[in-house]
């Protein structure tokens, strides 16, 4: 990566730059020019592998589509690493021009007033139409009158299963309407060799997300309706978390892959299913680009038990522009956002990745229609998103979710009782919420 040009301080009234006249404002960095004279937009995203390759191809197509801007992609380990690096970059006043963020992380940064108000650009853009975006995804980018990001793609966690493993045991995948039924099927499917497990029935993905989804699908809520009470140790939550603890540690029909660098745990889970070490796993809609659907199938997440409605979270990944970025770089970043969320490009990304398109017109493109006709699994996350829960925007800037992550490790890895783990998490989370409400 080329070294970033040092910041030029405004001395006197004007400063003549060898390449034209460029204004220099306090708190913003001068735009960097690529070797071909284009304004360079550094763009951070938290994935690699096939997804990273697909992103690089779209970046290349954008760069070739116009002659003013050049986007330079920088892959980070994961979303958390991207967020931490961005916080450091903001403190150092040397930010990228564009970054992908999870909704809660974007909300944290917006509360610190470090993200650009994209309404400054959309209001001047005759081609922008908010009605083209899926409403729940666009709503996660707003606070009051500020549009601090735009949705890039949607994601939700669905179930991927080994078709033959279920067929061999005579288990109809259509019968799996609850997590209890998946556990029952897993007991039939699991293969043991003495005290060791050769083939697991199911592998939930490590972390709090799967447990949160199942809790919401058991009628649980994170906060009370008035937003004053943390409810994560309610009976609905404890029932879900303790059942998963039992299935993992006592019945040993399920397994958690944890730790490692970046997405290592995620790919280890996928490999277990692809290499016939497990019958299925709970993964992202974005896994579809890495899976063999001759071998695997996909279904929506179930309710936790009979009588409840499945309510897993469906949320968008957001594109945001740091507010201290140079104005010309901001314009280039906005142009890339427009390009990526256009119907054809958003459809292309969805086809190649499995993520949900945020532009409603993407599903009407010829290419997308032809694809889903041959690959019906692509519709599973889209259908699930229609009855899903919206992203939880943590009013404590992530402290509630942090408490849930600690509790999930205790339950999934340490075999701590769900009541003990969630009672402690609720106490910590409530104290953080009280501080926010009382300030």
Protein backbone atom coordinates (compact mmCIF):
# COMPACT_ATOMS: atom_id res chain seq x y z
CA UNK A 1 0.00 0.00 0.00
CA UNK A 2 1.38 3.42 -0.92
CA UNK A 3 2.36 5.66 1.97
CA UNK A 4 -0.28 8.24 2.83
CA UNK A 5 0.85 11.78 2.03
CA UNK A 6 1.57 13.84 5.11
CA UNK A 7 -1.10 16.28 6.16
CA UNK A 8 -0.58 19.76 4.77
CA UNK A 9 -1.43 22.49 7.24
CA UNK A 10 -3.19 25.60 6.08
CA UNK A 11 -0.64 28.39 6.15
CA UNK A 12 -1.86 31.71 4.84
CA UNK A 13 -4.89 31.96 2.60
CA UNK A 14 -4.11 29.35 -0.05
CA UNK A 15 -1.75 26.53 -0.80
CA UNK A 16 -0.86 25.63 -4.35
CA UNK A 17 -0.50 21.92 -4.90
CA UNK A 18 1.29 20.60 -7.93
CA UNK A 19 -1.84 18.79 -8.98
CA UNK A 20 -4.37 21.61 -9.05
CA UNK A 21 -5.68 23.61 -6.13
CA UNK A 22 -6.87 21.51 -3.19
CA UNK A 23 -8.48 23.08 -0.13
CA UNK A 24 -7.01 22.09 3.23
CA UNK A 25 -9.32 22.12 6.27
CA UNK A 26 -8.34 21.62 9.90
CA UNK A 27 -9.23 18.10 11.07
CA UNK A 28 -9.29 16.56 7.58
CA UNK A 29 -6.54 14.89 5.62
CA UNK A 30 -5.59 15.74 2.07
CA UNK A 31 -6.82 13.28 -0.52
CA UNK A 32 -4.34 10.72 -1.76
CA UNK A 33 -3.93 10.36 -5.51
CA UNK A 34 -3.30 7.00 -7.13
CA UNK A 35 -0.62 6.49 -9.77
CA UNK A 36 -3.17 7.19 -12.50
CA UNK A 37 -4.26 10.49 -10.94
CA UNK A 38 -7.54 9.24 -9.44
CA UNK A 39 -8.61 10.22 -5.92
CA UNK A 40 -7.97 7.17 -3.76
CA UNK A 41 -10.62 5.91 -1.31
CA UNK A 42 -9.28 3.47 1.27
CA UNK A 43 -12.01 1.00 2.17
CA UNK A 44 -11.91 -1.37 5.17
CA UNK A 45 -13.96 -4.57 5.40
CA UNK A 46 -13.83 -7.46 7.84
CA UNK A 47 -13.72 -10.60 5.75
CA UNK A 48 -11.37 -12.54 3.52
CA UNK A 49 -11.45 -15.81 1.57
CA UNK A 50 -14.05 -16.06 -1.15
CA UNK A 51 -16.02 -13.12 0.22
CA UNK A 52 -12.88 -11.02 0.10
CA UNK A 53 -12.22 -12.10 -3.48
CA UNK A 54 -15.78 -11.23 -4.48
CA UNK A 55 -15.39 -7.81 -2.89
CA UNK A 56 -12.12 -7.18 -4.72
CA UNK A 57 -13.83 -8.02 -8.02
CA UNK A 58 -16.59 -5.48 -7.35
CA UNK A 59 -14.01 -2.88 -6.35
CA UNK A 60 -12.16 -3.54 -9.60
CA UNK A 61 -15.37 -3.18 -11.61
CA UNK A 62 -16.16 0.13 -9.88
CA UNK A 63 -12.66 1.48 -10.51
CA UNK A 64 -12.99 0.60 -14.19
CA UNK A 65 -16.47 2.13 -14.44
CA UNK A 66 -15.35 5.75 -13.95
CA UNK A 67 -12.19 7.84 -14.12
CA UNK A 68 -12.33 10.01 -10.99
CA UNK A 69 -12.02 7.65 -8.00
CA UNK A 70 -10.00 4.56 -7.15
CA UNK A 71 -11.19 2.43 -4.25
CA UNK A 72 -8.44 0.51 -2.46
CA UNK A 73 -9.79 -2.41 -0.42
CA UNK A 74 -8.13 -3.35 2.87
CA UNK A 75 -9.23 -6.68 4.39
CA UNK A 76 -9.30 -6.96 8.19
CA UNK A 77 -9.59 -10.14 10.28
CA UNK A 78 -13.25 -9.69 11.14
CA UNK A 79 -15.84 -7.03 11.99
CA UNK A 80 -14.60 -6.57 15.57
CA UNK A 81 -11.02 -6.02 14.40
CA UNK A 82 -12.26 -3.52 11.81
CA UNK A 83 -14.14 -1.61 14.51
CA UNK A 84 -11.19 -1.53 16.91
CA UNK A 85 -8.81 -0.40 14.18
CA UNK A 86 -11.26 2.30 13.12
CA UNK A 87 -11.50 3.63 16.67
CA UNK A 88 -7.71 3.92 16.77
CA UNK A 89 -7.66 5.57 13.35
CA UNK A 90 -10.26 8.13 14.43
CA UNK A 91 -8.20 8.96 17.52
CA UNK A 92 -5.12 9.39 15.30
CA UNK A 93 -7.15 11.42 12.77
CA UNK A 94 -6.03 9.09 9.95
CA UNK A 95 -9.17 7.25 8.92
CA UNK A 96 -10.09 5.27 5.84
CA UNK A 97 -12.63 6.81 3.50
CA UNK A 98 -15.15 4.00 3.87
CA UNK A 99 -15.76 1.11 6.27
CA UNK A 100 -18.19 -1.78 6.82
CA UNK A 101 -19.71 -1.85 10.31
CA UNK A 102 -22.23 -3.90 12.22
CA UNK A 103 -25.32 -1.90 13.27
CA UNK A 104 -24.44 -1.71 16.97
CA UNK A 105 -20.87 -0.61 16.24
CA UNK A 106 -22.08 2.05 13.81
CA UNK A 107 -24.51 3.31 16.46
CA UNK A 108 -21.66 3.59 18.98
CA UNK A 109 -19.61 5.70 16.58
CA UNK A 110 -22.59 7.82 15.62
CA UNK A 111 -23.20 8.58 19.31
CA UNK A 112 -19.64 9.92 19.37
CA UNK A 113 -20.41 12.13 16.32
CA UNK A 114 -17.58 10.67 14.22
CA UNK A 115 -19.62 9.43 11.24
CA UNK A 116 -20.66 11.57 8.29
CA UNK A 117 -24.32 12.47 7.82
CA UNK A 118 -25.02 10.83 4.46
CA UNK A 119 -28.15 12.93 4.07
CA UNK A 120 -25.73 15.62 2.94
CA UNK A 121 -25.20 13.51 -0.17
CA UNK A 122 -28.54 11.72 -0.64
CA UNK A 123 -30.45 15.04 -0.49
CA UNK A 124 -28.40 16.30 -3.43
CA UNK A 125 -28.66 13.03 -5.37
CA UNK A 126 -31.63 12.92 -7.76
CA UNK A 127 -31.10 9.18 -8.26
CA UNK A 128 -31.35 8.28 -4.56
CA UNK A 129 -34.68 6.80 -3.49
CA UNK A 130 -35.02 5.56 0.08
CA UNK A 131 -37.99 3.42 -1.01
CA UNK A 132 -35.56 1.18 -2.91
CA UNK A 133 -34.06 -0.06 0.36
CA UNK A 134 -35.59 -2.69 2.65
CA UNK A 135 -37.09 -0.52 5.37
CA UNK A 136 -35.83 -2.40 8.45
CA UNK A 137 -32.29 -2.31 7.09
CA UNK A 138 -32.44 1.40 6.28
CA UNK A 139 -33.97 2.19 9.68
CA UNK A 140 -30.89 0.69 11.37
CA UNK A 141 -28.82 3.47 9.75
CA UNK A 142 -30.78 6.36 11.26
CA UNK A 143 -31.00 8.27 14.50
CA UNK A 144 -33.28 11.26 14.77
CA UNK A 145 -32.83 13.10 11.45
CA UNK A 146 -29.35 11.77 10.74
CA UNK A 147 -28.55 9.07 8.18
CA UNK A 148 -25.14 7.96 9.47
CA UNK A 149 -24.72 4.92 7.19
CA UNK A 150 -26.39 3.06 4.36
CA UNK A 151 -27.20 -0.66 4.31
CA UNK A 152 -24.90 -2.75 2.17
CA UNK A 153 -26.27 -6.28 2.47
CA UNK A 154 -28.48 -8.17 4.89
CA UNK A 155 -27.63 -11.23 6.92
CA UNK A 156 -29.42 -13.70 9.15
CA UNK A 157 -28.42 -17.06 10.57
CA UNK A 158 -30.00 -20.11 8.98
CA UNK A 159 -29.53 -23.88 9.29
CA UNK A 160 -27.36 -25.93 6.93
CA UNK A 161 -27.67 -29.70 7.02
CA UNK A 162 -26.16 -32.81 5.46
CA UNK A 163 -28.95 -34.30 3.37
CA UNK A 164 -27.65 -37.89 3.51
CA UNK A 165 -27.11 -37.86 7.28
CA UNK A 166 -30.76 -37.06 7.89
CA UNK A 167 -32.02 -39.40 5.17
CA UNK A 168 -29.97 -42.31 6.52
CA UNK A 169 -31.66 -41.96 9.91
CA UNK A 170 -35.10 -41.50 8.39
CA UNK A 171 -35.42 -37.94 9.68
CA UNK A 172 -37.58 -35.64 7.57
CA UNK A 173 -36.07 -32.17 7.51
CA UNK A 174 -39.59 -30.74 7.16
CA UNK A 175 -40.41 -32.13 10.62
CA UNK A 176 -37.81 -29.97 12.35
CA UNK A 177 -40.03 -27.08 13.42
CA UNK A 178 -38.50 -26.55 16.88
CA UNK A 179 -35.06 -26.71 18.48
CA UNK A 180 -36.35 -29.57 20.60
CA UNK A 181 -37.01 -31.57 17.43
CA UNK A 182 -33.51 -30.77 16.14
CA UNK A 183 -32.10 -32.07 19.44
CA UNK A 184 -34.20 -35.21 19.16
CA UNK A 185 -32.95 -35.78 15.59
CA UNK A 186 -29.37 -35.11 16.70
CA UNK A 187 -29.64 -37.92 19.29
CA UNK A 188 -30.52 -40.31 16.48
CA UNK A 189 -27.78 -39.08 14.18
CA UNK A 190 -24.83 -38.78 16.59
CA UNK A 191 -22.20 -41.52 16.22
CA UNK A 192 -20.04 -42.54 19.17
CA UNK A 193 -16.89 -44.60 19.54
CA UNK A 194 -16.68 -45.38 23.22
CA UNK A 195 -16.34 -42.06 25.01
CA UNK A 196 -15.44 -40.15 21.84
CA UNK A 197 -17.83 -38.64 19.32
CA UNK A 198 -17.18 -39.48 15.68
CA UNK A 199 -20.16 -37.61 14.24
CA UNK A 200 -22.14 -34.85 15.97
CA UNK A 201 -25.82 -34.20 15.40
CA UNK A 202 -25.51 -30.42 15.28
CA UNK A 203 -22.99 -27.59 15.71
CA UNK A 204 -24.32 -24.22 16.84
CA UNK A 205 -21.96 -21.38 15.95
CA UNK A 206 -19.79 -20.16 18.83
CA UNK A 207 -20.92 -17.00 20.56
CA UNK A 208 -24.00 -15.29 21.88
CA UNK A 209 -25.76 -14.72 18.55
CA UNK A 210 -27.28 -18.20 18.13
CA UNK A 211 -28.42 -18.24 21.75
CA UNK A 212 -29.96 -14.77 21.40
CA UNK A 213 -31.85 -15.87 18.26
CA UNK A 214 -33.26 -18.93 20.01
CA UNK A 215 -34.22 -16.87 23.08
CA UNK A 216 -36.13 -14.37 20.95
CA UNK A 217 -37.78 -17.35 19.26
CA UNK A 218 -38.86 -18.55 22.70
CA UNK A 219 -40.74 -15.33 23.41
CA UNK A 220 -37.87 -13.62 25.19
CA UNK A 221 -36.90 -9.96 24.96
CA UNK A 222 -33.63 -8.16 25.59
CA UNK A 223 -35.21 -5.05 27.13
CA UNK A 224 -38.58 -4.18 28.59
CA UNK A 225 -40.95 -2.18 26.39
CA UNK A 226 -40.01 1.08 28.08
CA UNK A 227 -36.31 0.29 27.69
CA UNK A 228 -35.57 0.54 31.42
CA UNK A 229 -35.11 -3.13 32.36
CA UNK A 230 -32.70 -5.78 31.03
CA UNK A 231 -34.61 -9.06 30.65
CA UNK A 232 -31.86 -11.47 29.64
CA UNK A 233 -32.28 -13.67 32.73
CA UNK A 234 -36.02 -14.22 32.26
CA UNK A 235 -37.33 -17.82 32.25
CA UNK A 236 -37.52 -17.75 28.43
CA UNK A 237 -33.78 -17.03 28.20
CA UNK A 238 -32.72 -19.46 30.92
CA UNK A 239 -34.72 -22.29 29.35
CA UNK A 240 -33.02 -21.82 25.97
CA UNK A 241 -29.47 -21.38 27.23
CA UNK A 242 -29.64 -24.30 29.65
CA UNK A 243 -30.99 -26.63 26.97
CA UNK A 244 -28.07 -25.77 24.69
CA UNK A 245 -25.68 -26.29 27.63
CA UNK A 246 -27.22 -29.71 28.24
CA UNK A 247 -27.08 -30.70 24.56
CA UNK A 248 -23.40 -29.72 24.35
CA UNK A 249 -22.01 -30.91 27.69
CA UNK A 250 -24.34 -33.59 29.03
CA UNK A 251 -25.98 -35.26 26.03
CA UNK A 252 -22.91 -34.52 23.85
CA UNK A 253 -25.01 -34.41 20.70
CA UNK A 254 -23.87 -30.90 19.79
CA UNK A 255 -20.43 -29.27 19.62
CA UNK A 256 -18.95 -25.76 19.73
CA UNK A 257 -15.78 -24.79 17.86
CA UNK A 258 -14.24 -21.80 19.62
CA UNK A 259 -11.15 -19.60 19.56
CA UNK A 260 -8.55 -19.15 16.86
CA UNK A 261 -7.71 -16.14 14.75
CA UNK A 262 -10.41 -14.13 13.01
CA UNK A 263 -12.99 -16.40 11.43
CA UNK A 264 -11.05 -19.62 12.16
CA UNK A 265 -13.74 -21.01 14.47
CA UNK A 266 -16.37 -20.33 11.81
CA UNK A 267 -14.57 -22.21 9.06
CA UNK A 268 -13.78 -25.08 11.46
CA UNK A 269 -17.52 -25.44 12.02
CA UNK A 270 -18.23 -25.43 8.28
CA UNK A 271 -15.45 -27.98 7.71
CA UNK A 272 -16.94 -30.35 10.30
CA UNK A 273 -20.14 -30.53 8.27
CA UNK A 274 -18.49 -30.60 4.86
CA UNK A 275 -16.00 -33.31 5.98
CA UNK A 276 -18.67 -35.54 7.56
CA UNK A 277 -17.93 -34.85 11.22
CA UNK A 278 -21.34 -33.28 11.92
CA UNK A 279 -24.80 -33.43 10.40
CA UNK A 280 -25.49 -29.69 10.39
CA UNK A 281 -24.65 -26.29 11.77
CA UNK A 282 -26.11 -22.84 12.38
CA UNK A 283 -24.40 -20.35 10.09
CA UNK A 284 -24.72 -17.11 8.21
CA UNK A 285 -26.62 -16.57 5.01
CA UNK A 286 -23.24 -15.40 3.73
CA UNK A 287 -21.84 -18.95 4.02
CA UNK A 288 -23.69 -20.04 0.91
CA UNK A 289 -20.84 -19.08 -1.41
CA UNK A 290 -18.59 -21.60 0.38
CA UNK A 291 -20.98 -24.55 0.54
CA UNK A 292 -21.72 -27.52 -1.73
CA UNK A 293 -25.48 -27.70 -2.10
CA UNK A 294 -25.31 -31.05 -3.83
CA UNK A 295 -24.43 -32.31 -0.36
CA UNK A 296 -26.11 -29.77 1.90
CA UNK A 297 -29.53 -28.20 2.21
CA UNK A 298 -30.69 -25.03 3.95
CA UNK A 299 -33.75 -24.28 6.08
CA UNK A 300 -34.93 -21.42 8.24
CA UNK A 301 -34.28 -21.35 11.98
CA UNK A 302 -37.12 -22.95 13.95
CA UNK A 303 -39.00 -21.69 16.97
CA UNK A 304 -37.60 -22.91 20.25
CA UNK A 305 -40.68 -24.92 21.11
CA UNK A 306 -44.21 -25.51 19.92
CA UNK A 307 -46.48 -22.48 20.15
CA UNK A 308 -43.76 -19.87 19.65
CA UNK A 309 -42.81 -18.04 16.45
CA UNK A 310 -39.28 -18.15 15.10
CA UNK A 311 -37.84 -14.63 15.51
CA UNK A 312 -34.11 -14.77 14.73
CA UNK A 313 -32.41 -11.45 14.06
CA UNK A 314 -31.98 -10.22 10.49
CA UNK A 315 -29.72 -7.22 10.20
CA UNK A 316 -27.74 -5.30 7.65
CA UNK A 317 -24.06 -4.66 7.39
CA UNK A 318 -23.59 -0.94 6.98
CA UNK A 319 -21.32 1.29 4.92
CA UNK A 320 -20.21 4.39 6.80
CA UNK A 321 -17.89 7.31 6.08
CA UNK A 322 -15.76 8.74 8.93
CA UNK A 323 -16.58 12.43 9.28
CA UNK A 324 -12.96 13.64 9.41
CA UNK A 325 -12.26 12.19 5.97
CA UNK A 326 -11.33 14.63 3.20
CA UNK A 327 -14.37 15.98 1.34
CA UNK A 328 -13.28 14.66 -2.07
CA UNK A 329 -12.68 11.22 -0.57
CA UNK A 330 -16.16 11.34 1.00
CA UNK A 331 -17.66 11.97 -2.42
CA UNK A 332 -15.79 8.99 -3.84
CA UNK A 333 -16.91 6.80 -0.95
CA UNK A 334 -20.52 7.81 -1.54
CA UNK A 335 -20.21 6.99 -5.24
CA UNK A 336 -18.99 3.50 -4.32
CA UNK A 337 -21.92 3.04 -1.92
CA UNK A 338 -24.31 3.97 -4.74
CA UNK A 339 -22.56 1.55 -7.07
CA UNK A 340 -22.58 -1.36 -4.62
CA UNK A 341 -26.25 -0.95 -3.71
CA UNK A 342 -27.47 -0.57 -7.28
CA UNK A 343 -29.84 -3.41 -8.31
CA UNK A 344 -27.44 -5.27 -10.60
CA UNK A 345 -24.37 -5.06 -8.37
CA UNK A 346 -26.31 -5.84 -5.18
CA UNK A 347 -27.82 -8.86 -6.95
CA UNK A 348 -24.36 -9.97 -8.10
CA UNK A 349 -23.02 -9.78 -4.54
CA UNK A 350 -26.03 -11.67 -3.20
CA UNK A 351 -25.65 -14.44 -5.76
CA UNK A 352 -21.95 -14.87 -5.06
CA UNK A 353 -22.16 -14.58 -1.27
CA UNK A 354 -25.63 -15.72 -0.16
CA UNK A 355 -26.28 -12.45 1.66
CA UNK A 356 -29.63 -10.69 1.41
CA UNK A 357 -29.79 -7.84 -1.13
CA UNK A 358 -30.79 -4.54 0.48
CA UNK A 359 -32.06 -3.04 -2.76
CA UNK A 360 -35.55 -4.42 -3.33
CA UNK A 361 -35.12 -4.16 -7.10
CA UNK A 362 -32.22 -6.66 -7.01
CA UNK A 363 -34.64 -9.56 -6.69
CA UNK A 364 -36.33 -8.44 -9.92
CA UNK A 365 -33.19 -8.51 -12.02
CA UNK A 366 -33.01 -11.22 -14.67
CA UNK A 367 -29.76 -12.60 -13.29
CA UNK A 368 -31.13 -12.99 -9.76
CA UNK A 369 -34.36 -14.62 -10.93
CA UNK A 370 -32.45 -17.14 -13.02
CA UNK A 371 -30.13 -17.90 -10.12
CA UNK A 372 -32.77 -18.59 -7.46
CA UNK A 373 -34.71 -20.79 -9.88
CA UNK A 374 -31.70 -23.11 -9.98
CA UNK A 375 -30.59 -22.46 -6.38
CA UNK A 376 -33.68 -22.31 -4.15
CA UNK A 377 -31.53 -22.24 -0.98
CA UNK A 378 -30.78 -18.60 -1.82
CA UNK A 379 -34.38 -17.72 -0.91
CA UNK A 380 -34.17 -19.21 2.61
CA UNK A 381 -32.53 -16.19 4.31
CA UNK A 382 -34.73 -13.78 2.35
CA UNK A 383 -37.89 -15.58 3.53
CA UNK A 384 -36.59 -15.71 7.09
CA UNK A 385 -35.91 -11.97 7.08
CA UNK A 386 -39.63 -11.32 6.49
CA UNK A 387 -40.53 -12.50 10.02
CA UNK A 388 -37.24 -11.83 11.77
CA UNK A 389 -36.39 -9.56 14.68
CA UNK A 390 -34.66 -6.28 13.89
CA UNK A 391 -31.06 -5.69 14.91
CA UNK A 392 -30.66 -4.83 18.59
CA UNK A 393 -29.09 -1.40 18.96
CA UNK A 394 -27.51 -1.51 22.40
CA UNK A 395 -28.22 1.76 24.29
CA UNK A 396 -25.13 1.12 26.45
CA UNK A 397 -22.73 1.25 23.49
CA UNK A 398 -22.23 -2.51 23.48
CA UNK A 399 -22.06 -3.28 27.22
CA UNK A 400 -25.22 -5.41 27.24
CA UNK A 401 -23.98 -7.45 24.31
CA UNK A 402 -20.53 -7.77 25.93
CA UNK A 403 -22.19 -9.25 29.04
CA UNK A 404 -24.06 -11.73 26.85
CA UNK A 405 -20.84 -12.78 25.11
CA UNK A 406 -19.21 -13.54 28.47
CA UNK A 407 -22.30 -15.49 29.56
CA UNK A 408 -22.32 -17.47 26.30
CA UNK A 409 -18.72 -18.59 26.84
CA UNK A 410 -19.58 -19.70 30.36
CA UNK A 411 -22.51 -21.78 29.13
CA UNK A 412 -21.10 -23.12 25.86
CA UNK A 413 -17.48 -23.70 26.89
CA UNK A 414 -17.31 -23.82 30.71
CA UNK A 415 -20.59 -25.70 31.34
CA UNK A 416 -21.79 -23.08 33.82
CA UNK A 417 -25.53 -23.18 34.49
CA UNK A 418 -27.57 -20.80 32.36
CA UNK A 419 -29.21 -19.22 35.42
CA UNK A 420 -25.86 -18.41 37.03
CA UNK A 421 -24.37 -17.04 33.80
CA UNK A 422 -27.41 -15.00 32.83
CA UNK A 423 -28.09 -13.68 36.34
CA UNK A 424 -24.56 -12.31 36.43
CA UNK A 425 -24.87 -10.92 32.89
CA UNK A 426 -28.18 -9.25 33.73
CA UNK A 427 -26.72 -7.61 36.83
CA UNK A 428 -23.79 -6.18 34.87
CA UNK A 429 -25.95 -5.13 31.92
CA UNK A 430 -28.57 -3.48 34.16
CA UNK A 431 -25.92 -1.42 35.94
CA UNK A 432 -24.59 -0.18 32.59
CA UNK A 433 -28.13 0.64 31.38
CA UNK A 434 -28.94 2.48 34.64
CA UNK A 435 -25.89 4.70 34.15
CA UNK A 436 -27.08 5.65 30.67
CA UNK A 437 -30.66 6.33 31.80
CA UNK A 438 -29.59 8.36 34.83
CA UNK A 439 -27.20 10.64 32.93
